[in-house]
C-alpha atoms as a PDB file:
ATOM      1  CA  MET A   1     -26.630 -23.069  12.701  1.00  0.00           C
ATOM      2  CA  LEU A   2     -29.073 -21.145  10.953  1.00  0.00           C
ATOM      3  CA  PHE A   3     -29.377 -18.434  13.685  1.00  0.00           C
ATOM      4  CA  PHE A   4     -25.535 -17.918  13.089  1.00  0.00           C
ATOM      5  CA  LEU A   5     -26.017 -17.036   9.536  1.00  0.00           C
ATOM      6  CA  SER A   6     -28.738 -14.926  10.098  1.00  0.00           C
ATOM      7  CA  ILE A   7     -27.260 -13.012  13.390  1.00  0.00           C
ATOM      8  CA  PHE A   8     -23.754 -12.909  11.724  1.00  0.00           C
ATOM      9  CA  VAL A   9     -23.213 -13.827   8.000  1.00  0.00           C
ATOM     10  CA  LEU A  10     -26.482 -12.203   6.415  1.00  0.00           C
ATOM     11  CA  PRO A  11     -25.517  -8.447   7.892  1.00  0.00           C
ATOM     12  CA  LEU A  12     -21.732  -8.928   6.939  1.00  0.00           C
ATOM     13  CA  LEU A  13     -22.966  -9.766   3.007  1.00  0.00           C
ATOM     14  CA  ARG A  14     -25.219  -7.506   3.097  1.00  0.00           C
ATOM     15  CA  ARG A  15     -22.463  -4.367   3.771  1.00  0.00           C
ATOM     16  CA  ILE A  16     -20.018  -6.085   1.804  1.00  0.00           C
ATOM     17  CA  ALA A  17     -22.506  -5.106  -1.053  1.00  0.00           C
ATOM     18  CA  THR A  18     -23.395  -1.974  -0.193  1.00  0.00           C
ATOM     19  CA  MET A  19     -19.162  -1.099   0.083  1.00  0.00           C
ATOM     20  CA  ILE A  20     -18.539  -2.836  -3.137  1.00  0.00           C
ATOM     21  CA  GLN A  21     -20.933  -0.747  -5.293  1.00  0.00           C
ATOM     22  CA  ARG A  22     -19.109   2.507  -4.925  1.00  0.00           C
ATOM     23  CA  ILE A  23     -15.386   2.679  -6.988  1.00  0.00           C
ATOM     24  CA  GLN A  24     -13.541   4.273  -4.316  1.00  0.00           C
ATOM     25  CA  THR A  25     -14.066   1.006  -2.516  1.00  0.00           C
ATOM     26  CA  VAL A  26     -12.571  -1.246  -5.516  1.00  0.00           C
ATOM     27  CA  TYR A  27      -9.705   1.792  -5.715  1.00  0.00           C
ATOM     28  CA  TYR A  28      -9.032   0.958  -2.519  1.00  0.00           C
ATOM     29  CA  ALA A  29      -9.001  -2.187  -2.289  1.00  0.00           C
ATOM     30  CA  LEU A  30      -6.243  -2.192  -5.503  1.00  0.00           C
ATOM     31  CA  ALA A  31      -4.309  -0.154  -3.895  1.00  0.00           C
ATOM     32  CA  THR A  32      -3.836  -2.212  -0.255  1.00  0.00           C
ATOM     33  CA  ILE A  33      -3.742  -5.404  -2.457  1.00  0.00           C
ATOM     34  CA  LEU A  34      -0.415  -3.317  -4.968  1.00  0.00           C
ATOM     35  CA  MET A  35       0.908  -2.622  -1.021  1.00  0.00           C
ATOM     36  CA  ALA A  36       0.654  -5.887  -0.129  1.00  0.00           C
ATOM     37  CA  ILE A  37       2.520  -7.683  -2.825  1.00  0.00           C
ATOM     38  CA  GLY A  38       4.932  -4.638  -2.672  1.00  0.00           C
ATOM     39  CA  THR A  39       5.469  -5.408   0.979  1.00  0.00           C
ATOM     40  CA  PHE A  40       6.909  -9.136   0.194  1.00  0.00           C
ATOM     41  CA  LEU A  41       9.256  -8.575  -3.549  1.00  0.00           C
ATOM     42  CA  PRO A  42      12.066  -7.160  -4.248  1.00  0.00           C
ATOM     43  CA  VAL A  43      11.837  -3.468  -5.401  1.00  0.00           C
ATOM     44  CA  SER A  44      15.661  -2.622  -6.823  1.00  0.00           C
ATOM     45  CA  ARG A  45      18.688  -5.134  -7.523  1.00  0.00           C
ATOM     46  CA  PHE A  46      22.260  -4.377  -6.904  1.00  0.00           C
ATOM     47  CA  ILE A  47      25.223  -5.594  -9.097  1.00  0.00           C
ATOM     48  CA  GLY A  48      28.543  -5.676  -7.139  1.00  0.00           C
ATOM     49  CA  ASP A  49      31.547  -5.618  -8.581  1.00  0.00           C
ATOM     50  CA  ASN A  50      32.563  -9.216  -8.356  1.00  0.00           C
ATOM     51  CA  GLY A  51      29.109 -10.113  -9.939  1.00  0.00           C
ATOM     52  CA  GLN A  52      26.742 -10.978  -6.467  1.00  0.00           C
ATOM     53  CA  ALA A  53      23.482  -9.660  -6.926  1.00  0.00           C
ATOM     54  CA  TYR A  54      21.446  -8.405  -4.125  1.00  0.00           C
ATOM     55  CA  LEU A  55      17.531  -7.418  -3.831  1.00  0.00           C
ATOM     56  CA  LEU A  56      16.665  -4.708  -1.925  1.00  0.00           C
ATOM     57  CA  HIS A  57      13.186  -5.632  -0.149  1.00  0.00           C
ATOM     58  CA  THR A  58      11.538  -4.233   2.298  1.00  0.00           C
ATOM     59  CA  TRP A  59      12.889  -5.932   5.183  1.00  0.00           C
ATOM     60  CA  GLY A  60      16.875  -5.545   3.688  1.00  0.00           C
ATOM     61  CA  ILE A  61      19.143  -6.170   1.400  1.00  0.00           C
ATOM     62  CA  VAL A  62      19.453 -10.062   0.391  1.00  0.00           C
ATOM     63  CA  GLU A  63      21.908 -11.666  -1.827  1.00  0.00           C
ATOM     64  CA  ALA A  64      19.755 -13.289  -4.265  1.00  0.00           C
ATOM     65  CA  GLY A  65      19.080 -16.847  -5.325  1.00  0.00           C
ATOM     66  CA  LYS A  66      20.099 -18.486  -2.117  1.00  0.00           C
ATOM     67  CA  GLU A  67      17.112 -20.047  -0.095  1.00  0.00           C
ATOM     68  CA  SER A  68      17.031 -18.063   3.351  1.00  0.00           C
ATOM     69  CA  PRO A  69      20.027 -15.243   2.937  1.00  0.00           C
ATOM     70  CA  PRO A  70      21.409 -13.575   5.526  1.00  0.00           C
ATOM     71  CA  VAL A  71      20.624  -9.659   5.600  1.00  0.00           C
ATOM     72  CA  VAL A  72      22.973  -7.583   4.045  1.00  0.00           C
ATOM     73  CA  LEU A  73      21.502  -4.517   5.264  1.00  0.00           C
ATOM     74  CA  SER A  74      18.163  -4.433   7.094  1.00  0.00           C
ATOM     75  CA  THR A  75      15.960  -1.733   5.541  1.00  0.00           C
ATOM     76  CA  ILE A  76      13.116  -2.449   9.085  1.00  0.00           C
ATOM     77  CA  PRO A  77      11.742   1.556   8.945  1.00  0.00           C
ATOM     78  CA  LEU A  78      10.660   0.649   5.362  1.00  0.00           C
ATOM     79  CA  LEU A  79       9.186  -2.574   5.984  1.00  0.00           C
ATOM     80  CA  ILE A  80       7.101  -0.465   8.772  1.00  0.00           C
ATOM     81  CA  LEU A  81       6.540   2.431   6.666  1.00  0.00           C
ATOM     82  CA  PHE A  82       5.385  -0.230   3.928  1.00  0.00           C
ATOM     83  CA  LEU A  83       2.955  -1.808   6.640  1.00  0.00           C
ATOM     84  CA  VAL A  84       1.542   1.369   8.200  1.00  0.00           C
ATOM     85  CA  VAL A  85       0.075   2.516   4.732  1.00  0.00           C
ATOM     86  CA  LEU A  86      -0.644  -1.038   4.102  1.00  0.00           C
ATOM     87  CA  CYS A  87      -3.269  -0.845   7.606  1.00  0.00           C
ATOM     88  CA  LEU A  88      -4.260   2.684   6.717  1.00  0.00           C
ATOM     89  CA  LEU A  89      -5.612   0.943   3.205  1.00  0.00           C
ATOM     90  CA  LEU A  90      -7.497  -1.706   4.820  1.00  0.00           C
ATOM     91  CA  VAL A  91      -9.262   0.959   7.628  1.00  0.00           C
ATOM     92  CA  ALA A  92     -10.209   2.871   4.606  1.00  0.00           C
ATOM     93  CA  VAL A  93     -12.252   0.021   2.652  1.00  0.00           C
ATOM     94  CA  PHE A  94     -13.846  -0.844   5.282  1.00  0.00           C
ATOM     95  CA  SER A  95     -14.658   3.209   7.034  1.00  0.00           C
ATOM     96  CA  PHE A  96     -16.813   3.507   4.110  1.00  0.00           C
ATOM     97  CA  ARG A  97     -19.846   5.095   5.834  1.00  0.00           C
ATOM     98  CA  LYS A  98     -17.331   7.944   7.399  1.00  0.00           C
ATOM     99  CA  ARG A  99     -16.365   9.684   4.427  1.00  0.00           C
ATOM    100  CA  MET A 100     -14.416  12.702   6.824  1.00  0.00           C
ATOM    101  CA  VAL A 101     -12.572   9.486   8.716  1.00  0.00           C
ATOM    102  CA  GLN A 102     -11.777   7.975   4.599  1.00  0.00           C
ATOM    103  CA  MET A 103     -10.463  11.356   3.176  1.00  0.00           C
ATOM    104  CA  ARG A 104      -8.089  12.002   5.996  1.00  0.00           C
ATOM    105  CA  LEU A 105      -7.432   8.401   6.155  1.00  0.00           C
ATOM    106  CA  SER A 106      -6.121   8.731   2.111  1.00  0.00           C
ATOM    107  CA  VAL A 107      -4.347  11.775   2.262  1.00  0.00           C
ATOM    108  CA  PHE A 108      -2.408  10.616   5.264  1.00  0.00           C
ATOM    109  CA  SER A 109      -1.547   7.041   3.399  1.00  0.00           C
ATOM    110  CA  MET A 110      -0.701   9.432   0.307  1.00  0.00           C
ATOM    111  CA  VAL A 111       2.090  11.456   1.935  1.00  0.00           C
ATOM    112  CA  LEU A 112       3.823   8.225   3.821  1.00  0.00           C
ATOM    113  CA  MET A 113       3.351   6.087   0.408  1.00  0.00           C
ATOM    114  CA  ILE A 114       5.397   9.525  -0.809  1.00  0.00           C
ATOM    115  CA  GLY A 115       7.736   8.889   2.019  1.00  0.00           C
ATOM    116  CA  SER A 116       8.794   5.461   1.959  1.00  0.00           C
ATOM    117  CA  LEU A 117       9.486   6.550  -2.176  1.00  0.00           C
ATOM    118  CA  ALA A 118      12.046   8.833  -0.313  1.00  0.00           C
ATOM    119  CA  LEU A 119      13.116   5.777   2.146  1.00  0.00           C
ATOM    120  CA  PHE A 120      12.753   3.218  -0.732  1.00  0.00           C
ATOM    121  CA  TYR A 121      15.582   5.855  -2.166  1.00  0.00           C
ATOM    122  CA  PHE A 122      17.900   6.267   0.561  1.00  0.00           C
ATOM    123  CA  TYR A 123      17.975   2.457   1.166  1.00  0.00           C
ATOM    124  CA  ARG A 124      19.044   2.129  -2.817  1.00  0.00           C
ATOM    125  CA  ARG A 125      21.918   4.643  -1.986  1.00  0.00           C
ATOM    126  CA  GLN A 126      22.781   3.391   1.283  1.00  0.00           C
ATOM    127  CA  GLY A 127      23.040  -0.011  -0.546  1.00  0.00           C
ATOM    128  CA  MET A 128      25.205   1.470  -3.428  1.00  0.00           C
ATOM    129  CA  MET A 129      27.427   2.626  -1.165  1.00  0.00           C
ATOM    130  CA  HIS A 130      27.866  -0.928   1.197  1.00  0.00           C
ATOM    131  CA  LEU A 131      28.430  -2.556  -1.577  1.00  0.00           C
ATOM    132  CA  ASN A 132      30.156  -0.567  -4.238  1.00  0.00           C
ATOM    133  CA  ALA A 133      27.366  -2.061  -7.047  1.00  0.00           C
ATOM    134  CA  ASP A 134      24.836  -0.806  -9.783  1.00  0.00           C
ATOM    135  CA  ALA A 135      21.389  -0.589  -8.423  1.00  0.00           C
ATOM    136  CA  TYR A 136      18.506  -1.255 -10.896  1.00  0.00           C
ATOM    137  CA  PHE A 137      14.905  -1.007 -10.771  1.00  0.00           C
ATOM    138  CA  THR A 138      12.859  -3.748 -10.950  1.00  0.00           C
ATOM    139  CA  LEU A 139       8.980  -3.888 -11.652  1.00  0.00           C
ATOM    140  CA  TYR A 140       7.875  -3.919  -8.605  1.00  0.00           C
ATOM    141  CA  ALA A 141       9.312  -0.172  -7.315  1.00  0.00           C
ATOM    142  CA  VAL A 142       6.364   1.271  -9.281  1.00  0.00           C
ATOM    143  CA  LEU A 143       3.676  -0.644  -7.398  1.00  0.00           C
ATOM    144  CA  PRO A 144       3.986   2.437  -4.405  1.00  0.00           C
ATOM    145  CA  ILE A 145       3.628   4.984  -6.946  1.00  0.00           C
ATOM    146  CA  VAL A 146       0.729   2.997  -8.650  1.00  0.00           C
ATOM    147  CA  SER A 147      -1.068   2.424  -5.167  1.00  0.00           C
ATOM    148  CA  ALA A 148      -1.031   5.855  -4.175  1.00  0.00           C
ATOM    149  CA  ILE A 149      -2.524   7.131  -7.995  1.00  0.00           C
ATOM    150  CA  LEU A 150      -5.768   5.061  -6.857  1.00  0.00           C
ATOM    151  CA  THR A 151      -5.729   6.171  -3.772  1.00  0.00           C
ATOM    152  CA  TYR A 152      -5.695   9.638  -5.209  1.00  0.00           C
ATOM    153  CA  LEU A 153      -8.737   8.284  -7.228  1.00  0.00           C
ATOM    154  CA  ALA A 154     -10.576   7.138  -4.306  1.00  0.00           C
ATOM    155  CA  LEU A 155     -10.264  10.217  -2.717  1.00  0.00           C
ATOM    156  CA  ARG A 156     -11.448  11.951  -5.385  1.00  0.00           C
ATOM    157  CA  GLY A 157     -14.830   9.553  -5.513  1.00  0.00           C
ATOM    158  CA  VAL A 158     -15.688   9.969  -1.236  1.00  0.00           C
ATOM    159  CA  LYS A 159     -15.288  14.047  -2.403  1.00  0.00           C
ATOM    160  CA  LYS A 160     -18.106  13.538  -5.105  1.00  0.00           C
ATOM    161  CA  ASP A 161     -19.819  11.385  -2.278  1.00  0.00           C
ATOM    162  CA  GLU A 162     -19.835  14.226   0.173  1.00  0.00           C
ATOM    163  CA  GLU A 163     -20.344  16.660  -2.171  1.00  0.00           C
ATOM    164  CA  LEU A 164     -23.557  14.904  -3.432  1.00  0.00           C
ATOM    165  CA  ILE A 165     -25.035  14.379   0.330  1.00  0.00           C
ATOM    166  CA  ARG A 166     -24.230  18.199   1.319  1.00  0.00           C
ATOM    167  CA  SER A 167     -26.339  19.086  -2.217  1.00  0.00           C
ATOM    168  CA  TYR A 168     -29.285  16.779  -0.950  1.00  0.00           C
ATOM    169  CA  ASP A 169     -29.040  18.219   2.769  1.00  0.00           C
ATOM    170  CA  ARG A 170     -29.082  21.639   1.122  1.00  0.00           C
ATOM    171  CA  ILE A 171     -32.384  20.497  -1.477  1.00  0.00           C
ATOM    172  CA  ARG A 172     -34.447  19.301   2.034  1.00  0.00           C
END
């Protein structure tokens, strides 16, 4: 047991402690958590002419208030986009030693977050037309925007680290 701890657990704990010392890791972690929350919570609410309420989740538009409601309109591409962004952010969190990779992942995930907002708007319009209903945003609709802002802040932190490392290389 002691051997296992000394070989596997202690180096992992040292790596995590080193990783958390950087503010951009906190930004990446918060962005990842927000995207994970946004994957499972409704981003829009529809109220039909007959008073029936529907919710737009990342996997589809479903009737509100039912235990396991059937999907009225499937939005699987939105779910896939959210999951891809979530995976990119997770990879960015743990690739803290490769700053150039982190910067590329940040830019790509921000572009995909903006794309997810556009796709969200598209499915919101489709739901309004399909259900003949009025649509209202929920509080969770801002999670991709906040996540993109946090990713941008992390990108700035990675760029500052890269500039600092290059300035040290010039001094040598």
